[in-house]
Each structure stands twice: as structure tokens, then as C-alpha cells.
mmCIF file of all heavy atoms, coordinates in Angstrom:
data_MODEL
# 
_entry.id   MODEL 
# 
loop_
_atom_site.group_PDB 
_atom_site.id 
_atom_site.type_symbol 
_atom_site.label_atom_id 
_atom_site.label_alt_id 
_atom_site.label_comp_id 
_atom_site.label_asym_id 
_atom_site.label_entity_id 
_atom_site.label_seq_id 
_atom_site.pdbx_PDB_ins_code 
_atom_site.Cartn_x 
_atom_site.Cartn_y 
_atom_site.Cartn_z 
_atom_site.occupancy 
_atom_site.B_iso_or_equiv 
_atom_site.pdbx_formal_charge 
_atom_site.auth_seq_id 
_atom_site.auth_comp_id 
_atom_site.auth_asym_id 
_atom_site.auth_atom_id 
_atom_site.pdbx_PDB_model_num 
ATOM 1   N N   . ILE A 1 1  ? -5.929  -29.281 -90.820  1.00 0.00 ? 1  ILE A N   1 
ATOM 2   C CA  . ILE A 1 1  ? -5.957  -30.356 -91.810  1.00 0.00 ? 1  ILE A CA  1 
ATOM 3   C C   . ILE A 1 1  ? -7.340  -30.365 -92.443  1.00 0.00 ? 1  ILE A C   1 
ATOM 4   O O   . ILE A 1 1  ? -8.350  -30.385 -91.741  1.00 0.00 ? 1  ILE A O   1 
ATOM 5   C CB  . ILE A 1 1  ? -5.677  -31.727 -91.168  1.00 0.00 ? 1  ILE A CB  1 
ATOM 6   C CG1 . ILE A 1 1  ? -4.312  -31.734 -90.476  1.00 0.00 ? 1  ILE A CG1 1 
ATOM 7   C CG2 . ILE A 1 1  ? -5.747  -32.828 -92.217  1.00 0.00 ? 1  ILE A CG2 1 
ATOM 8   C CD1 . ILE A 1 1  ? -4.022  -33.003 -89.709  1.00 0.00 ? 1  ILE A CD1 1 
ATOM 9   N N   . VAL A 1 2  ? -7.392  -30.367 -93.766  1.00 0.00 ? 2  VAL A N   1 
ATOM 10  C CA  . VAL A 1 2  ? -8.648  -30.473 -94.496  1.00 0.00 ? 2  VAL A CA  1 
ATOM 11  C C   . VAL A 1 2  ? -8.700  -31.856 -95.129  1.00 0.00 ? 2  VAL A C   1 
ATOM 12  O O   . VAL A 1 2  ? -7.766  -32.257 -95.826  1.00 0.00 ? 2  VAL A O   1 
ATOM 13  C CB  . VAL A 1 2  ? -8.768  -29.397 -95.593  1.00 0.00 ? 2  VAL A CB  1 
ATOM 14  C CG1 . VAL A 1 2  ? -10.040 -29.596 -96.403  1.00 0.00 ? 2  VAL A CG1 1 
ATOM 15  C CG2 . VAL A 1 2  ? -8.735  -28.002 -94.982  1.00 0.00 ? 2  VAL A CG2 1 
ATOM 16  N N   . CYS A 1 3  ? -9.770  -32.598 -94.869  1.00 0.00 ? 3  CYS A N   1 
ATOM 17  C CA  . CYS A 1 3  ? -9.945  -33.931 -95.445  1.00 0.00 ? 3  CYS A CA  1 
ATOM 18  C C   . CYS A 1 3  ? -11.370 -34.062 -95.959  1.00 0.00 ? 3  CYS A C   1 
ATOM 19  O O   . CYS A 1 3  ? -12.322 -33.735 -95.251  1.00 0.00 ? 3  CYS A O   1 
ATOM 20  C CB  . CYS A 1 3  ? -9.651  -35.006 -94.406  1.00 0.00 ? 3  CYS A CB  1 
ATOM 21  S SG  . CYS A 1 3  ? -9.700  -36.691 -95.076  1.00 0.00 ? 3  CYS A SG  1 
ATOM 22  N N   . HIS A 1 4  ? -11.505 -34.531 -97.201  1.00 0.00 ? 4  HIS A N   1 
ATOM 23  C CA  . HIS A 1 4  ? -12.827 -34.643 -97.821  1.00 0.00 ? 4  HIS A CA  1 
ATOM 24  C C   . HIS A 1 4  ? -13.458 -36.027 -97.662  1.00 0.00 ? 4  HIS A C   1 
ATOM 25  O O   . HIS A 1 4  ? -14.514 -36.293 -98.248  1.00 0.00 ? 4  HIS A O   1 
ATOM 26  C CB  . HIS A 1 4  ? -12.725 -34.316 -99.315  1.00 0.00 ? 4  HIS A CB  1 
ATOM 27  C CG  . HIS A 1 4  ? -12.115 -32.971 -99.607  1.00 0.00 ? 4  HIS A CG  1 
ATOM 28  N ND1 . HIS A 1 4  ? -12.445 -31.842 -98.896  1.00 0.00 ? 4  HIS A ND1 1 
ATOM 29  C CD2 . HIS A 1 4  ? -11.206 -32.590 -100.533 1.00 0.00 ? 4  HIS A CD2 1 
ATOM 30  C CE1 . HIS A 1 4  ? -11.758 -30.812 -99.369  1.00 0.00 ? 4  HIS A CE1 1 
ATOM 31  N NE2 . HIS A 1 4  ? -10.997 -31.240 -100.352 1.00 0.00 ? 4  HIS A NE2 1 
ATOM 32  N N   . ALA A 1 5  ? -12.845 -36.901 -96.892  1.00 0.00 ? 5  ALA A N   1 
ATOM 33  C CA  . ALA A 1 5  ? -13.326 -38.274 -96.761  1.00 0.00 ? 5  ALA A CA  1 
ATOM 34  C C   . ALA A 1 5  ? -14.650 -38.350 -96.017  1.00 0.00 ? 5  ALA A C   1 
ATOM 35  O O   . ALA A 1 5  ? -14.832 -37.692 -94.982  1.00 0.00 ? 5  ALA A O   1 
ATOM 36  C CB  . ALA A 1 5  ? -12.288 -39.126 -96.042  1.00 0.00 ? 5  ALA A CB  1 
ATOM 37  N N   . LYS A 1 6  ? -15.563 -39.160 -96.543  1.00 0.00 ? 6  LYS A N   1 
ATOM 38  C CA  . LYS A 1 6  ? -16.831 -39.456 -95.894  1.00 0.00 ? 6  LYS A CA  1 
ATOM 39  C C   . LYS A 1 6  ? -17.112 -40.946 -96.039  1.00 0.00 ? 6  LYS A C   1 
ATOM 40  O O   . LYS A 1 6  ? -17.072 -41.467 -97.152  1.00 0.00 ? 6  LYS A O   1 
ATOM 41  C CB  . LYS A 1 6  ? -17.975 -38.654 -96.530  1.00 0.00 ? 6  LYS A CB  1 
ATOM 42  C CG  . LYS A 1 6  ? -17.827 -37.142 -96.386  1.00 0.00 ? 6  LYS A CG  1 
ATOM 43  C CD  . LYS A 1 6  ? -18.976 -36.420 -97.074  1.00 0.00 ? 6  LYS A CD  1 
ATOM 44  C CE  . LYS A 1 6  ? -18.824 -34.907 -96.945  1.00 0.00 ? 6  LYS A CE  1 
ATOM 45  N NZ  . LYS A 1 6  ? -19.922 -34.188 -97.660  1.00 0.00 ? 6  LYS A NZ  1 
ATOM 46  N N   . PRO A 1 7  ? -17.385 -41.655 -94.945  1.00 0.00 ? 7  PRO A N   1 
ATOM 47  C CA  . PRO A 1 7  ? -17.678 -43.084 -95.040  1.00 0.00 ? 7  PRO A CA  1 
ATOM 48  C C   . PRO A 1 7  ? -18.810 -43.357 -96.028  1.00 0.00 ? 7  PRO A C   1 
ATOM 49  O O   . PRO A 1 7  ? -19.824 -42.655 -96.051  1.00 0.00 ? 7  PRO A O   1 
ATOM 50  C CB  . PRO A 1 7  ? -18.072 -43.459 -93.610  1.00 0.00 ? 7  PRO A CB  1 
ATOM 51  C CG  . PRO A 1 7  ? -17.321 -42.480 -92.758  1.00 0.00 ? 7  PRO A CG  1 
ATOM 52  C CD  . PRO A 1 7  ? -17.344 -41.187 -93.543  1.00 0.00 ? 7  PRO A CD  1 
ATOM 53  N N   . GLY A 1 8  ? -18.628 -44.378 -96.868  1.00 0.00 ? 8  GLY A N   1 
ATOM 54  C CA  . GLY A 1 8  ? -19.597 -44.725 -97.897  1.00 0.00 ? 8  GLY A CA  1 
ATOM 55  C C   . GLY A 1 8  ? -19.323 -44.061 -99.234  1.00 0.00 ? 8  GLY A C   1 
ATOM 56  O O   . GLY A 1 8  ? -19.948 -44.401 -100.241 1.00 0.00 ? 8  GLY A O   1 
ATOM 57  N N   . GLN A 1 9  ? -18.379 -43.131 -99.258  1.00 0.00 ? 9  GLN A N   1 
ATOM 58  C CA  . GLN A 1 9  ? -18.049 -42.389 -100.470 1.00 0.00 ? 9  GLN A CA  1 
ATOM 59  C C   . GLN A 1 9  ? -17.142 -43.227 -101.378 1.00 0.00 ? 9  GLN A C   1 
ATOM 60  O O   . GLN A 1 9  ? -16.172 -43.821 -100.936 1.00 0.00 ? 9  GLN A O   1 
ATOM 61  C CB  . GLN A 1 9  ? -17.345 -41.096 -100.064 1.00 0.00 ? 9  GLN A CB  1 
ATOM 62  C CG  . GLN A 1 9  ? -16.792 -40.254 -101.190 1.00 0.00 ? 9  GLN A CG  1 
ATOM 63  C CD  . GLN A 1 9  ? -15.977 -39.074 -100.662 1.00 0.00 ? 9  GLN A CD  1 
ATOM 64  O OE1 . GLN A 1 9  ? -15.565 -39.063 -99.505  1.00 0.00 ? 9  GLN A OE1 1 
ATOM 65  N NE2 . GLN A 1 9  ? -15.766 -38.095 -101.503 1.00 0.00 ? 9  GLN A NE2 1 
ATOM 66  N N   . ASN A 1 10 ? -17.483 -43.300 -102.674 1.00 0.00 ? 10 ASN A N   1 
ATOM 67  C CA  . ASN A 1 10 ? -16.608 -43.932 -103.657 1.00 0.00 ? 10 ASN A CA  1 
ATOM 68  C C   . ASN A 1 10 ? -15.693 -42.870 -104.251 1.00 0.00 ? 10 ASN A C   1 
ATOM 69  O O   . ASN A 1 10 ? -16.162 -41.814 -104.688 1.00 0.00 ? 10 ASN A O   1 
ATOM 70  C CB  . ASN A 1 10 ? -17.427 -44.600 -104.762 1.00 0.00 ? 10 ASN A CB  1 
ATOM 71  C CG  . ASN A 1 10 ? -18.151 -45.836 -104.275 1.00 0.00 ? 10 ASN A CG  1 
ATOM 72  O OD1 . ASN A 1 10 ? -17.547 -46.725 -103.675 1.00 0.00 ? 10 ASN A OD1 1 
ATOM 73  N ND2 . ASN A 1 10 ? -19.452 -45.905 -104.516 1.00 0.00 ? 10 ASN A ND2 1 
ATOM 74  N N   . VAL A 1 11 ? -14.395 -43.139 -104.251 1.00 0.00 ? 11 VAL A N   1 
ATOM 75  C CA  . VAL A 1 11 ? -13.420 -42.141 -104.688 1.00 0.00 ? 11 VAL A CA  1 
ATOM 76  C C   . VAL A 1 11 ? -12.541 -42.719 -105.785 1.00 0.00 ? 11 VAL A C   1 
ATOM 77  O O   . VAL A 1 11 ? -12.428 -43.943 -105.951 1.00 0.00 ? 11 VAL A O   1 
ATOM 78  C CB  . VAL A 1 11 ? -12.556 -41.657 -103.508 1.00 0.00 ? 11 VAL A CB  1 
ATOM 79  C CG1 . VAL A 1 11 ? -13.427 -41.011 -102.445 1.00 0.00 ? 11 VAL A CG1 1 
ATOM 80  C CG2 . VAL A 1 11 ? -11.747 -42.803 -102.909 1.00 0.00 ? 11 VAL A CG2 1 
ATOM 81  N N   . GLU A 1 12 ? -11.911 -41.831 -106.530 1.00 0.00 ? 12 GLU A N   1 
ATOM 82  C CA  . GLU A 1 12 ? -11.046 -42.235 -107.629 1.00 0.00 ? 12 GLU A CA  1 
ATOM 83  C C   . GLU A 1 12 ? -9.630  -41.721 -107.424 1.00 0.00 ? 12 GLU A C   1 
ATOM 84  O O   . GLU A 1 12 ? -9.423  -40.585 -106.984 1.00 0.00 ? 12 GLU A O   1 
ATOM 85  C CB  . GLU A 1 12 ? -11.603 -41.714 -108.960 1.00 0.00 ? 12 GLU A CB  1 
ATOM 86  C CG  . GLU A 1 12 ? -12.948 -42.301 -109.334 1.00 0.00 ? 12 GLU A CG  1 
ATOM 87  C CD  . GLU A 1 12 ? -13.420 -41.853 -110.702 1.00 0.00 ? 12 GLU A CD  1 
ATOM 88  O OE1 . GLU A 1 12 ? -12.679 -41.085 -111.372 1.00 0.00 ? 12 GLU A OE1 1 
ATOM 89  O OE2 . GLU A 1 12 ? -14.513 -42.272 -111.103 1.00 0.00 ? 12 GLU A OE2 1 
ATOM 90  N N   . LYS A 1 13 ? -8.693  -42.567 -107.749 1.00 0.00 ? 13 LYS A N   1 
ATOM 91  C CA  . LYS A 1 13 ? -7.284  -42.217 -107.644 1.00 0.00 ? 13 LYS A CA  1 
ATOM 92  C C   . LYS A 1 13 ? -6.972  -40.936 -108.411 1.00 0.00 ? 13 LYS A C   1 
ATOM 93  O O   . LYS A 1 13 ? -7.490  -40.714 -109.506 1.00 0.00 ? 13 LYS A O   1 
ATOM 94  C CB  . LYS A 1 13 ? -6.432  -43.377 -108.184 1.00 0.00 ? 13 LYS A CB  1 
ATOM 95  C CG  . LYS A 1 13 ? -4.944  -43.142 -108.140 1.00 0.00 ? 13 LYS A CG  1 
ATOM 96  C CD  . LYS A 1 13 ? -4.172  -44.413 -108.399 1.00 0.00 ? 13 LYS A CD  1 
ATOM 97  C CE  . LYS A 1 13 ? -4.436  -44.995 -109.768 1.00 0.00 ? 13 LYS A CE  1 
ATOM 98  N NZ  . LYS A 1 13 ? -3.600  -46.182 -110.029 1.00 0.00 ? 13 LYS A NZ  1 
ATOM 99  N N   . ALA A 1 14 ? -6.152  -40.081 -107.804 1.00 0.00 ? 14 ALA A N   1 
ATOM 100 C CA  . ALA A 1 14 ? -5.666  -38.821 -108.383 1.00 0.00 ? 14 ALA A CA  1 
ATOM 101 C C   . ALA A 1 14 ? -6.652  -37.671 -108.239 1.00 0.00 ? 14 ALA A C   1 
ATOM 102 O O   . ALA A 1 14 ? -6.337  -36.552 -108.619 1.00 0.00 ? 14 ALA A O   1 
ATOM 103 C CB  . ALA A 1 14 ? -5.259  -38.970 -109.845 1.00 0.00 ? 14 ALA A CB  1 
ATOM 104 N N   . ASP A 1 15 ? -7.852  -37.914 -107.673 1.00 0.00 ? 15 ASP A N   1 
ATOM 105 C CA  . ASP A 1 15 ? -8.731  -36.802 -107.300 1.00 0.00 ? 15 ASP A CA  1 
ATOM 106 C C   . ASP A 1 15 ? -8.248  -36.233 -105.963 1.00 0.00 ? 15 ASP A C   1 
ATOM 107 O O   . ASP A 1 15 ? -7.682  -36.949 -105.133 1.00 0.00 ? 15 ASP A O   1 
ATOM 108 C CB  . ASP A 1 15 ? -10.184 -37.261 -107.160 1.00 0.00 ? 15 ASP A CB  1 
ATOM 109 C CG  . ASP A 1 15 ? -10.860 -37.488 -108.505 1.00 0.00 ? 15 ASP A CG  1 
ATOM 110 O OD1 . ASP A 1 15 ? -10.258 -37.107 -109.539 1.00 0.00 ? 15 ASP A OD1 1 
ATOM 111 O OD2 . ASP A 1 15 ? -11.974 -38.044 -108.524 1.00 0.00 ? 15 ASP A OD2 1 
ATOM 112 N N   . GLU A 1 16 ? -8.498  -34.964 -105.743 1.00 0.00 ? 16 GLU A N   1 
ATOM 113 C CA  . GLU A 1 16 ? -8.054  -34.324 -104.507 1.00 0.00 ? 16 GLU A CA  1 
ATOM 114 C C   . GLU A 1 16 ? -8.808  -34.884 -103.304 1.00 0.00 ? 16 GLU A C   1 
ATOM 115 O O   . GLU A 1 16 ? -10.027 -35.046 -103.332 1.00 0.00 ? 16 GLU A O   1 
ATOM 116 C CB  . GLU A 1 16 ? -8.277  -32.815 -104.586 1.00 0.00 ? 16 GLU A CB  1 
ATOM 117 C CG  . GLU A 1 16 ? -7.771  -32.061 -103.371 1.00 0.00 ? 16 GLU A CG  1 
ATOM 118 C CD  . GLU A 1 16 ? -8.275  -30.626 -103.314 1.00 0.00 ? 16 GLU A CD  1 
ATOM 119 O OE1 . GLU A 1 16 ? -8.415  -30.014 -104.386 1.00 0.00 ? 16 GLU A OE1 1 
ATOM 120 O OE2 . GLU A 1 16 ? -8.545  -30.130 -102.207 1.00 0.00 ? 16 GLU A OE2 1 
ATOM 121 N N   . CYS A 1 17 ? -8.076  -35.156 -102.212 1.00 0.00 ? 17 CYS A N   1 
ATOM 122 C CA  . CYS A 1 17 ? -8.723  -35.650 -100.990 1.00 0.00 ? 17 CYS A CA  1 
ATOM 123 C C   . CYS A 1 17 ? -8.542  -34.704 -99.809  1.00 0.00 ? 17 CYS A C   1 
ATOM 124 O O   . CYS A 1 17 ? -9.116  -34.929 -98.749  1.00 0.00 ? 17 CYS A O   1 
ATOM 125 C CB  . CYS A 1 17 ? -8.222  -37.046 -100.626 1.00 0.00 ? 17 CYS A CB  1 
ATOM 126 S SG  . CYS A 1 17 ? -6.509  -37.129 -100.051 1.00 0.00 ? 17 CYS A SG  1 
ATOM 127 N N   . GLY A 1 18 ? -7.754  -33.627 -99.964  1.00 0.00 ? 18 GLY A N   1 
ATOM 128 C CA  . GLY A 1 18 ? -7.596  -32.687 -98.863  1.00 0.00 ? 18 GLY A CA  1 
ATOM 129 C C   . GLY A 1 18 ? -6.306  -31.904 -98.972  1.00 0.00 ? 18 GLY A C   1 
ATOM 130 O O   . GLY A 1 18 ? -5.619  -31.921 -100.006 1.00 0.00 ? 18 GLY A O   1 
ATOM 131 N N   . ILE A 1 19 ? -5.958  -31.229 -97.884  1.00 0.00 ? 19 ILE A N   1 
ATOM 132 C CA  . ILE A 1 19 ? -4.730  -30.438 -97.819  1.00 0.00 ? 19 ILE A CA  1 
ATOM 133 C C   . ILE A 1 19 ? -4.304  -30.310 -96.360  1.00 0.00 ? 19 ILE A C   1 
ATOM 134 O O   . ILE A 1 19 ? -5.151  -30.305 -95.457  1.00 0.00 ? 19 ILE A O   1 
ATOM 135 C CB  . ILE A 1 19 ? -4.929  -29.040 -98.449  1.00 0.00 ? 19 ILE A CB  1 
ATOM 136 C CG1 . ILE A 1 19 ? -3.614  -28.240 -98.504  1.00 0.00 ? 19 ILE A CG1 1 
ATOM 137 C CG2 . ILE A 1 19 ? -5.996  -28.249 -97.709  1.00 0.00 ? 19 ILE A CG2 1 
ATOM 138 C CD1 . ILE A 1 19 ? -3.708  -26.946 -99.298  1.00 0.00 ? 19 ILE A CD1 1 
ATOM 139 N N   . ILE A 1 20 ? -3.004  -30.255 -96.119  1.00 0.00 ? 20 ILE A N   1 
ATOM 140 C CA  . ILE A 1 20 ? -2.471  -29.981 -94.792  1.00 0.00 ? 20 ILE A CA  1 
ATOM 141 C C   . ILE A 1 20 ? -1.707  -28.675 -94.879  1.00 0.00 ? 20 ILE A C   1 
ATOM 142 O O   . ILE A 1 20 ? -0.822  -28.531 -95.717  1.00 0.00 ? 20 ILE A O   1 
ATOM 143 C CB  . ILE A 1 20 ? -1.528  -31.093 -94.296  1.00 0.00 ? 20 ILE A CB  1 
ATOM 144 C CG1 . ILE A 1 20 ? -2.120  -32.476 -94.558  1.00 0.00 ? 20 ILE A CG1 1 
ATOM 145 C CG2 . ILE A 1 20 ? -1.241  -30.918 -92.812  1.00 0.00 ? 20 ILE A CG2 1 
ATOM 146 C CD1 . ILE A 1 20 ? -1.174  -33.610 -94.212  1.00 0.00 ? 20 ILE A CD1 1 
ATOM 147 N N   . LYS A 1 21 ? -2.029  -27.732 -94.021  1.00 0.00 ? 21 LYS A N   1 
ATOM 148 C CA  . LYS A 1 21 ? -1.376  -26.428 -94.085  1.00 0.00 ? 21 LYS A CA  1 
ATOM 149 C C   . LYS A 1 21 ? -0.038  -26.462 -93.354  1.00 0.00 ? 21 LYS A C   1 
ATOM 150 O O   . LYS A 1 21 ? 0.017   -26.705 -92.151  1.00 0.00 ? 21 LYS A O   1 
ATOM 151 C CB  . LYS A 1 21 ? -2.282  -25.344 -93.489  1.00 0.00 ? 21 LYS A CB  1 
ATOM 152 C CG  . LYS A 1 21 ? -3.555  -25.118 -94.306  1.00 0.00 ? 21 LYS A CG  1 
ATOM 153 C CD  . LYS A 1 21 ? -4.335  -23.933 -93.797  1.00 0.00 ? 21 LYS A CD  1 
ATOM 154 C CE  . LYS A 1 21 ? -5.570  -23.680 -94.650  1.00 0.00 ? 21 LYS A CE  1 
ATOM 155 N NZ  . LYS A 1 21 ? -6.333  -22.493 -94.189  1.00 0.00 ? 21 LYS A NZ  1 
ATOM 156 N N   . PHE A 1 22 ? 1.024   -26.222 -94.109  1.00 0.00 ? 22 PHE A N   1 
ATOM 157 C CA  . PHE A 1 22 ? 2.410   -26.152 -93.644  1.00 0.00 ? 22 PHE A CA  1 
ATOM 158 C C   . PHE A 1 22 ? 2.967   -27.547 -93.339  1.00 0.00 ? 22 PHE A C   1 
ATOM 159 O O   . PHE A 1 22 ? 2.302   -28.554 -93.532  1.00 0.00 ? 22 PHE A O   1 
ATOM 160 C CB  . PHE A 1 22 ? 2.560   -25.161 -92.493  1.00 0.00 ? 22 PHE A CB  1 
ATOM 161 C CG  . PHE A 1 22 ? 2.164   -23.761 -92.886  1.00 0.00 ? 22 PHE A CG  1 
ATOM 162 C CD1 . PHE A 1 22 ? 0.971   -23.211 -92.431  1.00 0.00 ? 22 PHE A CD1 1 
ATOM 163 C CD2 . PHE A 1 22 ? 2.956   -23.026 -93.737  1.00 0.00 ? 22 PHE A CD2 1 
ATOM 164 C CE1 . PHE A 1 22 ? 0.593   -21.936 -92.805  1.00 0.00 ? 22 PHE A CE1 1 
ATOM 165 C CE2 . PHE A 1 22 ? 2.575   -21.751 -94.120  1.00 0.00 ? 22 PHE A CE2 1 
ATOM 166 C CZ  . PHE A 1 22 ? 1.397   -21.204 -93.665  1.00 0.00 ? 22 PHE A CZ  1 
ATOM 167 N N   . GLY A 1 23 ? 4.256   -27.592 -92.898  1.00 0.00 ? 23 GLY A N   1 
ATOM 168 C CA  . GLY A 1 23 ? 5.020   -28.826 -92.832  1.00 0.00 ? 23 GLY A CA  1 
ATOM 169 C C   . GLY A 1 23 ? 4.295   -29.994 -92.183  1.00 0.00 ? 23 GLY A C   1 
ATOM 170 O O   . GLY A 1 23 ? 3.722   -29.856 -91.121  1.00 0.00 ? 23 GLY A O   1 
ATOM 171 N N   . SER A 1 24 ? 4.329   -31.156 -92.816  1.00 0.00 ? 24 SER A N   1 
ATOM 172 C CA  . SER A 1 24 ? 3.495   -32.252 -92.364  1.00 0.00 ? 24 SER A CA  1 
ATOM 173 C C   . SER A 1 24 ? 3.944   -33.572 -92.988  1.00 0.00 ? 24 SER A C   1 
ATOM 174 O O   . SER A 1 24 ? 4.989   -33.652 -93.628  1.00 0.00 ? 24 SER A O   1 
ATOM 175 C CB  . SER A 1 24 ? 2.040   -31.952 -92.708  1.00 0.00 ? 24 SER A CB  1 
ATOM 176 O OG  . SER A 1 24 ? 1.951   -31.363 -93.995  1.00 0.00 ? 24 SER A OG  1 
ATOM 177 N N   . ARG A 1 25 ? 3.117   -34.609 -92.818  1.00 0.00 ? 25 ARG A N   1 
ATOM 178 C CA  . ARG A 1 25 ? 3.523   -35.948 -93.234  1.00 0.00 ? 25 ARG A CA  1 
ATOM 179 C C   . ARG A 1 25 ? 2.301   -36.797 -93.560  1.00 0.00 ? 25 ARG A C   1 
ATOM 180 O O   . ARG A 1 25 ? 1.214   -36.590 -93.016  1.00 0.00 ? 25 ARG A O   1 
ATOM 181 C CB  . ARG A 1 25 ? 4.312   -36.564 -92.079  1.00 0.00 ? 25 ARG A CB  1 
ATOM 182 C CG  . ARG A 1 25 ? 4.721   -38.003 -92.255  1.00 0.00 ? 25 ARG A CG  1 
ATOM 183 C CD  . ARG A 1 25 ? 5.601   -38.406 -91.085  1.00 0.00 ? 25 ARG A CD  1 
ATOM 184 N NE  . ARG A 1 25 ? 5.216   -39.690 -90.525  1.00 0.00 ? 25 ARG A NE  1 
ATOM 185 C CZ  . ARG A 1 25 ? 5.740   -40.206 -89.422  1.00 0.00 ? 25 ARG A CZ  1 
ATOM 186 N NH1 . ARG A 1 25 ? 6.660   -39.531 -88.753  1.00 0.00 ? 25 ARG A NH1 1 
ATOM 187 N NH2 . ARG A 1 25 ? 5.355   -41.367 -88.975  1.00 0.00 ? 25 ARG A NH2 1 
ATOM 188 N N   . ILE A 1 26 ? 2.505   -37.774 -94.448  1.00 0.00 ? 26 ILE A N   1 
ATOM 189 C CA  . ILE A 1 26 ? 1.488   -38.777 -94.771  1.00 0.00 ? 26 ILE A CA  1 
ATOM 190 C C   . ILE A 1 26 ? 2.034   -40.150 -94.411  1.00 0.00 ? 26 ILE A C   1 
ATOM 191 O O   . ILE A 1 26 ? 3.144   -40.504 -94.806  1.00 0.00 ? 26 ILE A O   1 
ATOM 192 C CB  . ILE A 1 26 ? 1.133   -38.757 -96.279  1.00 0.00 ? 26 ILE A CB  1 
ATOM 193 C CG1 . ILE A 1 26 ? 0.483   -37.432 -96.676  1.00 0.00 ? 26 ILE A CG1 1 
ATOM 194 C CG2 . ILE A 1 26 ? 0.213   -39.934 -96.619  1.00 0.00 ? 26 ILE A CG2 1 
ATOM 195 C CD1 . ILE A 1 26 ? -0.921  -37.226 -96.127  1.00 0.00 ? 26 ILE A CD1 1 
ATOM 196 N N   . ASP A 1 27 ? 1.273   -40.922 -93.636  1.00 0.00 ? 27 ASP A N   1 
ATOM 197 C CA  . ASP A 1 27 ? 1.576   -42.330 -93.379  1.00 0.00 ? 27 ASP A CA  1 
ATOM 198 C C   . ASP A 1 27 ? 0.588   -43.180 -94.166  1.00 0.00 ? 27 ASP A C   1 
ATOM 199 O O   . ASP A 1 27 ? -0.629  -43.004 -94.034  1.00 0.00 ? 27 ASP A O   1 
ATOM 200 C CB  . ASP A 1 27 ? 1.446   -42.663 -91.893  1.00 0.00 ? 27 ASP A CB  1 
ATOM 201 C CG  . ASP A 1 27 ? 2.585   -42.101 -91.057  1.00 0.00 ? 27 ASP A CG  1 
ATOM 202 O OD1 . ASP A 1 27 ? 3.561   -41.604 -91.641  1.00 0.00 ? 27 ASP A OD1 1 
ATOM 203 O OD2 . ASP A 1 27 ? 2.484   -42.178 -89.818  1.00 0.00 ? 27 ASP A OD2 1 
ATOM 204 N N   . MET A 1 28 ? 1.110   -44.091 -94.984  1.00 0.00 ? 28 MET A N   1 
ATOM 205 C CA  . MET A 1 28 ? 0.264   -45.023 -95.727  1.00 0.00 ? 28 MET A CA  1 
ATOM 206 C C   . MET A 1 28 ? 0.504   -46.429 -95.188  1.00 0.00 ? 28 MET A C   1 
ATOM 207 O O   . MET A 1 28 ? 1.646   -46.825 -94.933  1.00 0.00 ? 28 MET A O   1 
ATOM 208 C CB  . MET A 1 28 ? 0.591   -44.962 -97.224  1.00 0.00 ? 28 MET A CB  1 
ATOM 209 C CG  . MET A 1 28 ? 0.465   -43.570 -97.831  1.00 0.00 ? 28 MET A CG  1 
ATOM 210 S SD  . MET A 1 28 ? 0.952   -43.510 -99.586  1.00 0.00 ? 28 MET A SD  1 
ATOM 211 C CE  . MET A 1 28 ? -0.356  -44.501 -100.318 1.00 0.00 ? 28 MET A CE  1 
ATOM 212 N N   . PHE A 1 29 ? -0.599  -47.192 -95.025  1.00 0.00 ? 29 PHE A N   1 
ATOM 213 C CA  . PHE A 1 29 ? -0.515  -48.556 -94.514  1.00 0.00 ? 29 PHE A CA  1 
ATOM 214 C C   . PHE A 1 29 ? -1.137  -49.490 -95.550  1.00 0.00 ? 29 PHE A C   1 
ATOM 215 O O   . PHE A 1 29 ? -2.330  -49.373 -95.882  1.00 0.00 ? 29 PHE A O   1 
ATOM 216 C CB  . PHE A 1 29 ? -1.237  -48.671 -93.175  1.00 0.00 ? 29 PHE A CB  1 
ATOM 217 C CG  . PHE A 1 29 ? -0.665  -47.764 -92.113  1.00 0.00 ? 29 PHE A CG  1 
ATOM 218 C CD1 . PHE A 1 29 ? -1.128  -46.467 -91.957  1.00 0.00 ? 29 PHE A CD1 1 
ATOM 219 C CD2 . PHE A 1 29 ? 0.353   -48.205 -91.278  1.00 0.00 ? 29 PHE A CD2 1 
ATOM 220 C CE1 . PHE A 1 29 ? -0.603  -45.621 -90.985  1.00 0.00 ? 29 PHE A CE1 1 
ATOM 221 C CE2 . PHE A 1 29 ? 0.889   -47.365 -90.309  1.00 0.00 ? 29 PHE A CE2 1 
ATOM 222 C CZ  . PHE A 1 29 ? 0.411   -46.081 -90.154  1.00 0.00 ? 29 PHE A CZ  1 
# 
């Protein structure tokens, strides 16, 4: 799993945040 998140980082919707290689899932809360 590749994730670009870093605490304190300001991010914008629709920018790339990472990738998961092969079959996987996203849980949103």
C-alpha cells in the first residue's frame, strides 16, 4: 500500500493520495 499522507499536510480533493496494488478496499468514515 502506498499512501502519501503526512500529519500537518494540507491536501486538496481529487489530488492523488496513494495506490493499493491489486484487489483491495477503501473504508470511509
